[in-house]
Structures are given as structure tokens and as C-alpha cells.
């Protein structure tokens, strides 16, 4: 579901440009409005939708999610701590309202796990591994783990 911008709602603040991981949200130099330069390259992370303070960015729904002609409106409600996905049919009736809790942190706040972590050593900085990568893929003890080394056995084609 790639994103698109309602030009009448957009004021060109650039929040969507700053947060887009695939760098496809741009500000038109003459109109001073945001637009998606390559919808086919959209990662569908909806960071731009969530970051837009004017609700100017919507998503195009896939047929299995929103039938042809439906609009998908995403509204972030900070006070209630939810993101509402509202799917409207062509005749204007609301078909579905989906609510999800906001799990992102406000701008400028540190992620607690990283704030409490010790500073990486020079050896860790020079390594090609990402921060805490060995811990999460269980290679921090120096070896590659297999299913057998974790005590799992094969029973009728499935590991238990």
C-alpha cells in the first residue's frame, strides 16, 4: 500500500521527508508540498503517515485489505496513545475502524535499553557486526549454534 499526499492538507513541513527510510518522499520546489517520487519503491513502513502532523498522507489499500475504491485513512492520536486505521467505502460509509497502540517513542527521547547500555569498546566499533548483534543471534559466546547444540532433536521431520 504505497503512500500518497493530499496536496490541500500538506504544508510542506518536511517531517515525512526526514523520516522516510527509502528516501522517496520529497518536497516539490515550486509548490512546497510533499509527494512520493516512486510509489513502487515504498517500503510500506508508514513512518511518513504517522509523522505527518496534518494527516495529509494516506495509503492505497490492497484488494485483500480494502476493496477497490476504498480509502485508507491513518490517524495518530497522541492523547489516546493509538493509531486508528479507518477504511471507508466508495459510498462514504465507514466499513472498518482498526486501532493499534502507539509503540514508538516521542522525538528526542532515548530508547531505554540503549540509554542504559555501556559504551562500545574500540574493538566493537571496528567490528562489522551491528550493536548487540552477537547477543541477539546468540553468537556472543564465540560459536555458531545449531539446533542440535541447543538440545533439539528431530522427530518425524520436525525439530522439538
N, C-alpha and C. Protein backbone atom coordinates (compact mmCIF):
# COMPACT_ATOMS: atom_id res chain seq x y z
N UNK A 1 0.83 -1.17 0.00
CA UNK A 1 0.00 0.00 0.00
C UNK A 1 0.88 1.24 0.00
N UNK A 2 1.32 1.68 -1.13
CA UNK A 2 2.15 2.87 -1.16
C UNK A 2 1.39 4.11 -0.71
N UNK A 3 2.14 5.09 -0.29
CA UNK A 3 1.54 6.32 0.24
C UNK A 3 1.30 7.34 -0.87
N UNK A 4 0.37 8.26 -0.60
CA UNK A 4 0.17 9.41 -1.47
C UNK A 4 -0.21 10.59 -0.60
N UNK A 5 -0.01 11.79 -1.11
CA UNK A 5 -0.18 13.01 -0.33
C UNK A 5 -1.37 13.81 -0.85
N UNK A 6 -2.22 14.28 0.07
CA UNK A 6 -3.27 15.23 -0.28
C UNK A 6 -2.63 16.61 -0.28
N UNK A 7 -2.47 17.20 -1.44
CA UNK A 7 -1.78 18.48 -1.56
C UNK A 7 -2.48 19.61 -0.82
N UNK A 8 -3.80 19.51 -0.66
CA UNK A 8 -4.53 20.59 0.02
C UNK A 8 -4.30 20.57 1.53
N UNK A 9 -3.92 19.43 2.07
CA UNK A 9 -3.65 19.33 3.51
C UNK A 9 -2.19 19.56 3.86
N UNK A 10 -1.30 19.28 2.93
CA UNK A 10 0.14 19.36 3.18
C UNK A 10 0.60 20.81 3.25
N UNK A 11 1.45 21.12 4.24
CA UNK A 11 2.01 22.47 4.31
C UNK A 11 3.52 22.48 4.03
N UNK A 12 4.07 21.33 3.64
CA UNK A 12 5.49 21.26 3.29
C UNK A 12 6.42 21.28 4.47
N UNK A 13 5.97 20.80 5.64
CA UNK A 13 6.81 20.85 6.85
C UNK A 13 8.04 19.96 6.73
N UNK A 14 7.96 18.87 5.96
CA UNK A 14 9.12 18.02 5.73
C UNK A 14 9.31 16.89 6.72
N UNK A 15 8.37 16.68 7.65
CA UNK A 15 8.51 15.56 8.59
C UNK A 15 8.58 14.23 7.84
N UNK A 16 7.78 14.08 6.80
CA UNK A 16 7.76 12.83 6.04
C UNK A 16 9.08 12.61 5.30
N UNK A 17 9.67 13.69 4.82
CA UNK A 17 10.95 13.60 4.10
C UNK A 17 12.05 13.16 5.07
N UNK A 18 12.04 13.73 6.26
CA UNK A 18 13.07 13.42 7.24
C UNK A 18 13.01 11.98 7.72
N UNK A 19 11.82 11.40 7.80
CA UNK A 19 11.68 10.08 8.42
C UNK A 19 11.65 8.93 7.41
N UNK A 20 11.45 9.21 6.14
CA UNK A 20 11.31 8.15 5.13
C UNK A 20 12.61 7.36 4.97
N UNK A 21 12.61 6.04 5.29
CA UNK A 21 13.83 5.25 5.19
C UNK A 21 14.27 4.97 3.76
N UNK A 22 13.35 5.01 2.81
CA UNK A 22 13.72 4.73 1.42
C UNK A 22 13.97 6.00 0.62
N UNK A 23 13.86 7.16 1.26
CA UNK A 23 14.17 8.46 0.64
C UNK A 23 13.35 8.72 -0.62
N UNK A 24 12.06 8.39 -0.57
CA UNK A 24 11.21 8.64 -1.73
C UNK A 24 10.22 9.77 -1.51
N UNK A 25 10.14 10.28 -0.29
CA UNK A 25 9.28 11.43 -0.02
C UNK A 25 10.12 12.69 -0.26
N UNK A 26 9.61 13.58 -1.09
CA UNK A 26 10.33 14.81 -1.44
C UNK A 26 9.38 16.00 -1.35
N UNK A 27 9.95 17.18 -1.25
CA UNK A 27 9.17 18.42 -1.26
C UNK A 27 9.30 19.03 -2.66
N UNK A 28 8.17 19.29 -3.30
CA UNK A 28 8.17 19.92 -4.61
C UNK A 28 8.71 21.33 -4.46
N UNK A 29 9.74 21.72 -5.24
CA UNK A 29 10.36 23.04 -5.06
C UNK A 29 9.45 24.22 -5.43
N UNK A 30 8.50 24.01 -6.33
CA UNK A 30 7.63 25.13 -6.70
C UNK A 30 6.37 25.20 -5.86
N UNK A 31 5.75 24.05 -5.58
CA UNK A 31 4.50 24.03 -4.81
C UNK A 31 4.73 23.99 -3.30
N UNK A 32 5.95 23.61 -2.87
CA UNK A 32 6.27 23.46 -1.44
C UNK A 32 5.32 22.46 -0.77
N UNK A 33 5.06 21.36 -1.45
CA UNK A 33 4.24 20.29 -0.91
C UNK A 33 4.99 18.97 -1.08
N UNK A 34 4.74 18.04 -0.16
CA UNK A 34 5.40 16.74 -0.23
C UNK A 34 4.76 15.86 -1.30
N UNK A 35 5.53 14.95 -1.83
CA UNK A 35 4.99 13.95 -2.75
C UNK A 35 5.91 12.74 -2.76
N UNK A 36 5.35 11.60 -3.12
CA UNK A 36 6.07 10.34 -3.20
C UNK A 36 6.61 10.22 -4.62
N UNK A 37 7.94 10.26 -4.77
CA UNK A 37 8.51 10.27 -6.12
C UNK A 37 8.48 8.90 -6.79
N UNK A 38 8.39 7.83 -6.00
CA UNK A 38 8.40 6.49 -6.58
C UNK A 38 7.53 5.55 -5.74
N UNK A 39 6.20 5.57 -5.93
CA UNK A 39 5.32 4.73 -5.11
C UNK A 39 5.67 3.24 -5.14
N UNK A 40 6.20 2.75 -6.24
CA UNK A 40 6.53 1.33 -6.33
C UNK A 40 7.70 0.95 -5.43
N UNK A 41 8.49 1.92 -5.02
CA UNK A 41 9.63 1.65 -4.15
C UNK A 41 9.29 1.86 -2.68
N UNK A 42 8.05 2.15 -2.35
CA UNK A 42 7.63 2.38 -0.97
C UNK A 42 7.78 1.10 -0.15
N UNK A 43 8.41 1.20 1.01
CA UNK A 43 8.61 0.04 1.89
C UNK A 43 7.36 -0.28 2.69
N UNK A 44 6.39 0.61 2.65
CA UNK A 44 5.14 0.44 3.37
C UNK A 44 5.36 0.36 4.88
N UNK A 45 6.28 1.19 5.37
CA UNK A 45 6.52 1.25 6.81
C UNK A 45 5.57 2.25 7.47
N UNK A 46 5.00 3.14 6.69
CA UNK A 46 4.04 4.16 7.12
C UNK A 46 4.62 5.14 8.12
N UNK A 47 5.94 5.27 8.14
CA UNK A 47 6.56 6.27 9.02
C UNK A 47 6.11 7.66 8.64
N UNK A 48 6.01 7.93 7.35
CA UNK A 48 5.58 9.26 6.90
C UNK A 48 4.14 9.54 7.30
N UNK A 49 3.29 8.51 7.21
CA UNK A 49 1.88 8.67 7.58
C UNK A 49 1.76 9.01 9.06
N UNK A 50 2.52 8.31 9.88
CA UNK A 50 2.47 8.51 11.31
C UNK A 50 3.09 9.83 11.73
N UNK A 51 4.10 10.30 10.98
CA UNK A 51 4.82 11.52 11.34
C UNK A 51 4.12 12.79 10.87
N UNK A 52 3.23 12.68 9.91
CA UNK A 52 2.59 13.87 9.34
C UNK A 52 1.65 14.52 10.36
N UNK A 53 1.93 15.78 10.75
CA UNK A 53 1.07 16.43 11.74
C UNK A 53 -0.27 16.89 11.18
N UNK A 54 -0.44 16.89 9.87
CA UNK A 54 -1.67 17.40 9.24
C UNK A 54 -2.53 16.29 8.65
N UNK A 55 -2.16 15.03 8.87
CA UNK A 55 -2.88 13.89 8.28
C UNK A 55 -3.04 14.04 6.77
N UNK A 56 -1.98 14.51 6.14
CA UNK A 56 -2.03 14.76 4.70
C UNK A 56 -1.61 13.54 3.87
N UNK A 57 -1.12 12.50 4.52
CA UNK A 57 -0.64 11.33 3.78
C UNK A 57 -1.54 10.15 4.06
N UNK A 58 -2.00 9.51 3.00
CA UNK A 58 -2.83 8.31 3.10
C UNK A 58 -2.13 7.17 2.37
N UNK A 59 -2.72 6.00 2.47
CA UNK A 59 -2.17 4.84 1.80
C UNK A 59 -3.19 4.27 0.83
N UNK A 60 -2.70 3.67 -0.22
CA UNK A 60 -3.58 2.98 -1.16
C UNK A 60 -3.74 1.55 -0.68
N UNK A 61 -4.95 1.13 -0.47
CA UNK A 61 -5.19 -0.21 0.06
C UNK A 61 -5.10 -1.28 -1.00
N UNK A 62 -4.56 -2.44 -0.62
CA UNK A 62 -4.56 -3.60 -1.49
C UNK A 62 -5.96 -4.22 -1.49
N UNK A 63 -6.28 -4.98 -2.51
CA UNK A 63 -7.62 -5.54 -2.65
C UNK A 63 -7.99 -6.47 -1.51
N UNK A 64 -7.02 -7.16 -0.91
CA UNK A 64 -7.35 -8.07 0.18
C UNK A 64 -7.57 -7.33 1.50
N UNK A 65 -7.13 -6.09 1.56
CA UNK A 65 -7.25 -5.28 2.78
C UNK A 65 -8.39 -4.28 2.65
N UNK A 66 -8.46 -3.61 1.53
CA UNK A 66 -9.51 -2.62 1.28
C UNK A 66 -9.95 -2.77 -0.17
N UNK A 67 -11.19 -3.19 -0.40
CA UNK A 67 -11.66 -3.40 -1.77
C UNK A 67 -11.48 -2.17 -2.66
N UNK A 68 -11.47 -2.40 -3.95
CA UNK A 68 -11.25 -1.35 -4.94
C UNK A 68 -12.12 -0.13 -4.69
N UNK A 69 -11.49 1.02 -4.66
CA UNK A 69 -12.23 2.26 -4.46
C UNK A 69 -12.30 2.71 -3.02
N UNK A 70 -11.90 1.87 -2.09
CA UNK A 70 -11.92 2.26 -0.68
C UNK A 70 -10.73 3.16 -0.37
N UNK A 71 -10.89 4.02 0.60
CA UNK A 71 -9.77 4.84 1.06
C UNK A 71 -9.33 4.35 2.42
N UNK A 72 -8.04 4.46 2.67
CA UNK A 72 -7.48 4.04 3.95
C UNK A 72 -6.89 5.29 4.60
N UNK A 73 -7.46 5.71 5.71
CA UNK A 73 -7.01 6.90 6.43
C UNK A 73 -6.36 6.44 7.72
N UNK A 74 -5.18 6.94 7.97
CA UNK A 74 -4.44 6.61 9.18
C UNK A 74 -4.34 7.87 10.02
N UNK A 75 -4.82 7.80 11.26
CA UNK A 75 -4.80 8.97 12.14
C UNK A 75 -4.08 8.58 13.43
N UNK A 76 -3.08 9.37 13.79
CA UNK A 76 -2.32 9.15 15.02
C UNK A 76 -2.91 10.03 16.10
N UNK A 77 -3.39 9.42 17.18
CA UNK A 77 -3.97 10.16 18.30
C UNK A 77 -3.05 10.03 19.50
N UNK A 78 -2.23 11.06 19.73
CA UNK A 78 -1.25 11.04 20.81
C UNK A 78 -1.92 10.97 22.17
N UNK A 79 -3.04 11.67 22.34
CA UNK A 79 -3.71 11.71 23.64
C UNK A 79 -4.21 10.33 24.07
N UNK A 80 -4.78 9.60 23.14
CA UNK A 80 -5.28 8.26 23.46
C UNK A 80 -4.20 7.20 23.34
N UNK A 81 -3.08 7.55 22.70
CA UNK A 81 -1.98 6.60 22.54
C UNK A 81 -2.27 5.51 21.53
N UNK A 82 -3.04 5.83 20.47
CA UNK A 82 -3.39 4.84 19.46
C UNK A 82 -3.20 5.40 18.05
N UNK A 83 -3.09 4.48 17.12
CA UNK A 83 -3.13 4.80 15.70
C UNK A 83 -4.38 4.14 15.15
N UNK A 84 -5.24 4.93 14.54
CA UNK A 84 -6.51 4.42 14.02
C UNK A 84 -6.41 4.28 12.50
N UNK A 85 -6.75 3.12 12.01
CA UNK A 85 -6.83 2.85 10.58
C UNK A 85 -8.32 2.83 10.23
N UNK A 86 -8.73 3.77 9.42
CA UNK A 86 -10.14 3.89 9.06
C UNK A 86 -10.29 3.59 7.57
N UNK A 87 -11.06 2.59 7.26
CA UNK A 87 -11.28 2.19 5.87
C UNK A 87 -12.69 2.60 5.49
N UNK A 88 -12.80 3.46 4.47
CA UNK A 88 -14.11 3.95 4.02
C UNK A 88 -14.40 3.43 2.63
N UNK A 89 -15.64 3.05 2.43
CA UNK A 89 -16.06 2.56 1.11
C UNK A 89 -16.34 3.74 0.18
N UNK A 90 -16.57 3.43 -1.07
CA UNK A 90 -16.82 4.47 -2.08
C UNK A 90 -18.05 5.31 -1.78
N UNK A 91 -19.05 4.72 -1.17
CA UNK A 91 -20.28 5.47 -0.92
C UNK A 91 -20.20 6.30 0.36
N UNK A 92 -19.04 6.32 1.01
CA UNK A 92 -18.84 7.18 2.17
C UNK A 92 -19.12 6.53 3.51
N UNK A 93 -19.61 5.32 3.52
CA UNK A 93 -19.86 4.65 4.78
C UNK A 93 -18.56 4.09 5.34
N UNK A 94 -18.41 4.16 6.62
CA UNK A 94 -17.22 3.60 7.25
C UNK A 94 -17.39 2.10 7.36
N UNK A 95 -16.48 1.35 6.77
CA UNK A 95 -16.55 -0.10 6.80
C UNK A 95 -15.84 -0.67 8.03
N UNK A 96 -14.67 -0.11 8.35
CA UNK A 96 -13.87 -0.70 9.41
C UNK A 96 -13.07 0.37 10.13
N UNK A 97 -12.96 0.25 11.42
CA UNK A 97 -12.06 1.07 12.23
C UNK A 97 -11.16 0.13 13.00
N UNK A 98 -9.86 0.24 12.76
CA UNK A 98 -8.89 -0.61 13.44
C UNK A 98 -8.03 0.26 14.33
N UNK A 99 -7.81 -0.15 15.56
CA UNK A 99 -6.98 0.60 16.49
C UNK A 99 -5.76 -0.21 16.87
N UNK A 100 -4.61 0.46 16.95
CA UNK A 100 -3.38 -0.17 17.39
C UNK A 100 -2.67 0.79 18.34
N UNK A 101 -2.03 0.27 19.38
CA UNK A 101 -1.33 1.17 20.31
C UNK A 101 -0.09 1.77 19.65
N UNK A 102 0.25 2.99 20.05
CA UNK A 102 1.48 3.63 19.56
C UNK A 102 2.64 3.01 20.33
N UNK A 103 3.58 2.44 19.60
CA UNK A 103 4.73 1.82 20.25
C UNK A 103 6.02 2.60 20.03
N UNK A 104 5.95 3.67 19.26
CA UNK A 104 7.14 4.47 19.02
C UNK A 104 7.33 5.47 20.14
N UNK A 105 8.55 5.93 20.29
CA UNK A 105 8.87 6.91 21.32
C UNK A 105 8.80 8.31 20.72
N UNK A 106 8.48 9.33 21.54
CA UNK A 106 8.46 10.71 21.03
C UNK A 106 9.84 11.15 20.55
N UNK A 107 9.86 12.13 19.65
CA UNK A 107 11.11 12.65 19.12
C UNK A 107 12.02 13.10 20.25
N UNK A 108 13.29 12.74 20.18
CA UNK A 108 14.27 13.22 21.14
C UNK A 108 14.41 12.38 22.40
N UNK A 109 13.56 11.37 22.59
CA UNK A 109 13.69 10.54 23.78
C UNK A 109 14.54 9.32 23.44
N UNK A 110 15.32 8.91 24.40
CA UNK A 110 16.22 7.78 24.18
C UNK A 110 15.49 6.47 24.40
N UNK A 111 15.91 5.45 23.70
CA UNK A 111 15.39 4.11 23.91
C UNK A 111 16.03 3.59 25.20
N UNK A 112 15.23 3.17 26.19
CA UNK A 112 15.79 2.83 27.50
C UNK A 112 16.92 1.80 27.46
N UNK A 113 16.80 0.76 26.65
CA UNK A 113 17.84 -0.26 26.61
C UNK A 113 19.17 0.33 26.13
N UNK A 114 19.12 1.26 25.18
CA UNK A 114 20.35 1.86 24.69
C UNK A 114 20.89 2.90 25.66
N UNK A 115 20.01 3.62 26.35
CA UNK A 115 20.45 4.63 27.30
C UNK A 115 21.19 4.00 28.47
N UNK A 116 20.81 2.78 28.86
CA UNK A 116 21.43 2.11 30.00
C UNK A 116 22.64 1.28 29.60
N UNK A 117 22.86 1.10 28.31
CA UNK A 117 23.95 0.24 27.85
C UNK A 117 25.30 0.94 28.02
N UNK A 118 26.32 0.11 28.18
CA UNK A 118 27.67 0.66 28.28
C UNK A 118 28.16 1.06 26.90
N UNK A 119 29.09 1.99 26.89
CA UNK A 119 29.64 2.47 25.63
C UNK A 119 30.44 1.35 24.97
N UNK A 120 30.30 1.14 23.65
CA UNK A 120 31.04 0.06 23.00
C UNK A 120 32.54 0.36 22.97
N UNK A 121 33.33 -0.70 23.07
CA UNK A 121 34.78 -0.54 23.02
C UNK A 121 35.22 -0.23 21.59
N UNK A 122 36.47 0.15 21.44
CA UNK A 122 37.00 0.44 20.11
C UNK A 122 36.96 -0.81 19.23
N UNK A 123 37.22 -1.97 19.83
CA UNK A 123 37.17 -3.23 19.09
C UNK A 123 35.75 -3.48 18.55
N UNK A 124 34.74 -3.18 19.37
CA UNK A 124 33.36 -3.35 18.93
C UNK A 124 33.02 -2.36 17.81
N UNK A 125 33.54 -1.14 17.91
CA UNK A 125 33.28 -0.14 16.87
C UNK A 125 33.93 -0.52 15.55
N UNK A 126 35.10 -1.15 15.61
CA UNK A 126 35.81 -1.55 14.39
C UNK A 126 35.25 -2.82 13.77
N UNK A 127 34.41 -3.54 14.52
CA UNK A 127 33.83 -4.79 14.04
C UNK A 127 32.77 -4.50 12.97
N UNK A 128 32.53 -5.49 12.13
CA UNK A 128 31.49 -5.35 11.12
C UNK A 128 30.11 -5.69 11.65
N UNK A 129 30.04 -6.16 12.89
CA UNK A 129 28.75 -6.50 13.49
C UNK A 129 28.03 -5.25 13.94
N UNK A 130 26.70 -5.29 13.92
CA UNK A 130 25.90 -4.19 14.42
C UNK A 130 25.88 -4.23 15.94
N UNK A 131 25.46 -3.12 16.55
CA UNK A 131 25.39 -3.06 18.01
C UNK A 131 24.49 -4.17 18.55
N UNK A 132 24.95 -4.92 19.49
CA UNK A 132 24.27 -6.02 20.17
C UNK A 132 23.87 -7.16 19.23
N UNK A 133 24.40 -7.18 18.02
CA UNK A 133 24.04 -8.25 17.09
C UNK A 133 24.44 -9.64 17.61
N UNK A 134 25.65 -9.82 18.14
CA UNK A 134 26.01 -11.16 18.61
C UNK A 134 25.05 -11.69 19.67
N UNK A 135 24.57 -10.82 20.56
CA UNK A 135 23.67 -11.24 21.62
C UNK A 135 22.36 -11.76 21.05
N UNK A 136 21.84 -11.09 20.04
CA UNK A 136 20.52 -11.46 19.52
C UNK A 136 20.55 -12.62 18.55
N UNK A 137 21.68 -12.88 17.94
CA UNK A 137 21.75 -14.07 17.10
C UNK A 137 22.51 -15.18 17.80
N UNK A 138 22.75 -14.97 19.12
CA UNK A 138 23.34 -15.96 20.01
C UNK A 138 24.72 -16.40 19.56
N UNK A 139 25.55 -15.45 19.18
CA UNK A 139 26.94 -15.75 18.83
C UNK A 139 27.90 -15.08 19.80
N UNK A 140 27.41 -14.59 20.94
CA UNK A 140 28.26 -13.87 21.87
C UNK A 140 29.22 -14.78 22.64
N UNK A 141 29.00 -16.09 22.57
CA UNK A 141 29.93 -16.99 23.25
C UNK A 141 30.97 -17.56 22.28
N UNK A 142 31.01 -17.03 21.08
CA UNK A 142 32.07 -17.38 20.15
C UNK A 142 31.76 -18.46 19.14
N UNK A 143 30.65 -19.14 19.22
CA UNK A 143 30.37 -20.21 18.29
C UNK A 143 29.04 -20.05 17.60
N UNK A 144 28.91 -20.73 16.48
CA UNK A 144 27.64 -20.74 15.76
C UNK A 144 26.80 -21.87 16.33
N UNK A 145 25.61 -21.55 16.74
CA UNK A 145 24.74 -22.55 17.34
C UNK A 145 23.96 -23.30 16.27
N UNK A 146 23.77 -24.56 16.51
CA UNK A 146 22.92 -25.37 15.65
C UNK A 146 21.73 -25.85 16.47
N UNK A 147 20.78 -26.43 15.82
CA UNK A 147 19.63 -26.95 16.54
C UNK A 147 20.06 -28.05 17.51
N UNK A 148 20.99 -28.91 17.07
CA UNK A 148 21.45 -29.99 17.93
C UNK A 148 22.20 -29.45 19.15
N UNK A 149 23.02 -28.38 18.96
CA UNK A 149 23.76 -27.83 20.11
C UNK A 149 22.84 -27.17 21.11
N UNK A 150 21.63 -26.85 20.70
CA UNK A 150 20.65 -26.28 21.62
C UNK A 150 19.75 -27.35 22.24
N UNK A 151 20.10 -28.62 22.01
CA UNK A 151 19.36 -29.70 22.65
C UNK A 151 18.09 -30.10 21.93
N UNK A 152 17.93 -29.72 20.68
CA UNK A 152 16.73 -30.08 19.93
C UNK A 152 16.97 -31.38 19.18
N UNK A 153 15.95 -32.22 19.07
CA UNK A 153 16.07 -33.49 18.36
C UNK A 153 15.04 -33.56 17.24
N UNK A 154 15.37 -34.33 16.24
CA UNK A 154 14.48 -34.49 15.09
C UNK A 154 13.49 -35.61 15.35
N UNK A 155 12.21 -35.30 15.22
CA UNK A 155 11.16 -36.30 15.34
C UNK A 155 10.21 -36.15 14.15
N UNK A 156 10.16 -37.12 13.34
CA UNK A 156 9.30 -37.18 12.16
C UNK A 156 9.37 -35.89 11.33
N UNK A 157 10.60 -35.45 11.03
CA UNK A 157 10.78 -34.30 10.15
C UNK A 157 10.67 -32.94 10.78
N UNK A 158 10.44 -32.88 12.10
CA UNK A 158 10.29 -31.59 12.79
C UNK A 158 11.19 -31.60 14.02
N UNK A 159 11.87 -30.49 14.28
CA UNK A 159 12.70 -30.38 15.46
C UNK A 159 11.86 -30.06 16.69
N UNK A 160 12.11 -30.75 17.81
CA UNK A 160 11.42 -30.49 19.08
C UNK A 160 12.43 -30.13 20.13
